[in-house]
Amino acid sequence: MLPPLIDINLIREPLEAGNLILTPNHRLAAQIAQSWAIEIRQHKAVWNAPRVYSIDHWLRHCWDELQDQNHALVSGLAIVGQQQSRYYWDRAIADCGAQSAIDASTYADGRFSKLASETHRIVQNWNLSEQQIPKSTPSSRQFIEWVEAYNKLLSRNQLITIATSWQLVAQGFAQSALAGEDKIALYGFQSMPPLQQAVIAQATDCQQPITPQPVDGDGWLVACADPQQELIAATQWAAQQLADNPNQRIGLVIPELDHSLAQVSRLTAESLTEKGVDVAVNISAGTSLLETTLVRSAVELLGIFQYQRPLSQWLELLYSPYSVFSQLPMQVLVDIELAVRKCKAFDFTLERFLNHVSAAVRLSPHADSIAVQLKSIFECRSNHRKNNKIRQSFSQWRAFFECSLSDLGWPGHHKLNTFEYQQREHWQRLLEQFCRLDNLGIEVGLTTARKHLVQMAQDAVFHPQTGDAPLQILGLLEGAGLKFDQLWILGMHSQNFPAAVNINPLLPADFQRCHAMPHSLPERELNIAKALWRDYRSNARRLIASYPLLRGEEQLTASPLVLDVTRVALDQLVGNIRRQPHWLERPDETELVAEATIAYNPEREKIKGGSMLLKNQSSMPFNAFAIHRLWAEPLQQPIAGLTAKDRGILLHDILYRLWGEWRNAAHLHSLNEQQISDALEQVIEQSLTALGTQHPVLLGSRFRQLEHSRLQKLIIAWLTHEKSRPAFDVIGREQVASVDFGDLQITLRLDRIDQIDGQSLVIDYKSGEVTPSHWQGDRPKDPQLPLYIMATNPQASGCAFAQIKGGNIKFIGIGESSFFDQQAVIDNWPEQREQWRKALSNLAREFSSGLATIEVYDSAALNFQEYLLPLNRYLELTTINGQLSISEAD
């Protein structure tokens, strides 16, 4: 059995006397009640519940008692809810902005509401009013104006803040409306706001602070390399201690735990798993309810009624286990994703997304049954426009949200686990709070209703309910007052402990210092830090304090407050600290298989890829195997405008159309500049219109005109260059040809074939840079033009790339005759063709035999094939070969 987290002997006297005991948080109050129950059940079967409360809970209890009396102090008043308060702050700030010279849009997004609300809370907790704030700075004058507007809105609706309710509770004690206390015991406080002190002073004449007694325990100070090593070391140490003795209380205290919650949870789970320790873990920091999987899925589902949503959110919805899509076969989900990605759009409306869903479903062999499963979401498509026009109360929107989620299959068709069930309960409570916004007396549209719901989910904190846990992971303040067998406190460097001064920007600095407000005085932070350190030293039999030597490039030193413990080296506490998860370093679970090559069989498989097949085989054989035999391809990413490939398609189409009409150089020379411009104008419009069906961006007049002007300028420059060539006839356009290498047939499309003095020249249009050396060698990096030569019958006398690139327009090619300036003329053309034939035949033979080695012959080509790294595992090659050598040696 685990020892209690509270030394009950410290609090035995007020517990037995039935005195009121107050703590700074609910966690501490619950632990006192639990420890007392363990203690007293040894002697009694029935006992009075101890009067132990967190101070906030007790003050709310006092307020409820005044409400039950319908006392004149509180008659007709209600405490404003958190979301109601946010709404009123937004309104107050927006109204003040509208009346000032500042643009009201500055305040429209509510960016100042949270800061103003927090500042107002501090002012009230310090038992001050806005009238006492000096108007010495522009920000304080603005804040006072906001507070006055906010208070008017509350007063108009007979609402008060929580702090105001405490002031009324104090008056209730002063007027004897509330029964005073003989004695109030205070446990776990390092500081207390003046307003709470004032209430307690009215409630009792006798306050009893309870402080833990020092214990004779060990204390060590350890330096770590950086914050990550520090956290890894602490979690691995905790796991080892629990592996040695699971019936002890281990604590990890992590400053700013809220900001590293995900990392802490992951590293803790990895360390416990590695040590084979299966225990409950309690983490004091909660997760925003909006970040929990079940609630986030609900909010995302309700977001489909918005006009447009990003592609990432649609894909998250598609694969969510909490929606109607979870019923679909994986192949259908993949087909939907590929169809949606093919559009290359950033955002999709519900209607457009569901159009792709419909198309993918129709291709499925189970189309009819799937259509029935998705019937509800297709009905949403027909109703969502009407829903966007409705204005109604928050309660009515709650009914709509619940009905919509049910239609959309939420929360899925699987059995909820424990945490998911708890999240669903929290969601239901959130919806009940959402209905209370009816008190605002307004009707809102769908977008506003969902915005309030999202804000409430973001503010709500989800704490998973766990059993009594031997490992407690706590924030710096949450661990105070708890008793541990062993405790590790992280982040004990001088920049962090005591906390640094942080002046509130809305209040004058002198005003904050005068009243010793939070984070305004170094002396106040020092006193709090000293009290915390004494508490931790008194409540741990074995205490470890650690700090990182570096945070980024900043050098850190230990806090002077923790130098009273013994320094030790980290390896004395934790040996073999892992930077990587243990499951990444398990060679014993790795099996290396040398797979035999699988020859290409044209009767059993279909390949794709034209000249790129041999180009990829030349640069890296495995990538050629993956692309052309496994059909591996990258996922399409959204893009604004046109890709380089799209622009290449446009260029090819325009020149195809032009030479279909002109046919030869003579016709080109017969046209004047205006005629060429007019013809080009018409052809470019035709090409843009044809491509516009696939790229909606071309339907917009501005982008279309920019693209039109670019093409007009580029092609006129190219046609001017074409005029300088000897006379030619265009005898082929987009001509399909093929080259056979045994069973491997490579199909090509020749952009253009010119005839010049009875000889033929193969031309390929390129909008990028061309490198002639890439055609040569035993493994040509770019075998496209040599393949074109082999594909022509009779074989062409030359080949060239038409480099149509702004500022660098030219022909680059090779042949047995001079077809244009700066062309390489080959003395022995048949010998050149034979060299190409041998080189390309060798590459084709490699591919057909199934050769798929991970050898890189052209590293530049790999920059365009990074998506294949999970398949070829090129970056892991050294490690794999090392393991292979060990296996062979064994």
Foldseek 3Di string as FASTA:
>chain_A
DAQQFFPLVLVVVCQVVLFAEEEQDAVLQVSNQVNVCVVCVVPDPDDDRRNYYHLLVVLVVLLVLCVVVCPPLQNPAAADDPLSLLVLLLVLLLVVCVPDPHNSVVSNVVPCSVLLVVVCVLCLLLVHDLVPFDPPDVLSVSSSSSVVSSVVLCVVLRYDHSSVSLVSSLVCLVVVVDAAGAEYEYEQDLDGRPSSVSSNVSRYVYYHYGAFDFDQFAEAEEAAAEPLLVLLLLLLLVLVVCLVPVRFAEEEAEAPCVVCVVVNVVSNVLNNVVSVHDFDEFEPAFAQLCPDLQNVLLLLLLVLLDAKDFPVSVLCNCCAQFFLNVPDDPVLSVQLQQQVLLLLAGMDHLVRSVVSSLVSLVPDPPSVVSCVSLVLSVVCVVCSVVQQPDWAAQLVVLVVSVVSSVSGRGGHDDDDDQQSVQSVVVLVVLSVVSNVCCSVVTIGGSVVSSVSSSVSSRPDTDGRDDDDTSYYYYYLSVSFSTAGQEYEYEAQWQPVQLDAADDSPSGDLVVCVVSVGPSNDPVSSNSSSLSSVSRVSRRYNYYYYYHYQDYPNDGTHGHPSSVVHHYDYSCVSPNPRDPDRPVVVCLVPDDDDDDDFDFDDVVPFFWDDFQVLLLCLLFAQQVSCCCTGVVDDDRRHRDDDDDPVRLVVLLLQLVLVVCVPQFWLVSLVVDDPVRVLVSSLVSSVVSLVVCCVSHVVCVDPPSVVVSSVVSSVLVVVQSVVVNPWAIKGWPDAQDWFWDDLDPDIHIDGQHTWIADPNFIEGEAEDQDDDDVQQCDDLRRNRVVQLRQQRGDVVGGFWYWYQHRYPPDTDIEIEGCDDRDPPYHHDVDRVVVNVRSVNSSSVSVVCVSRRPRHGDGPDVVVCVVVVVCCVPNVNVCVVVVVVSVVVVVVD
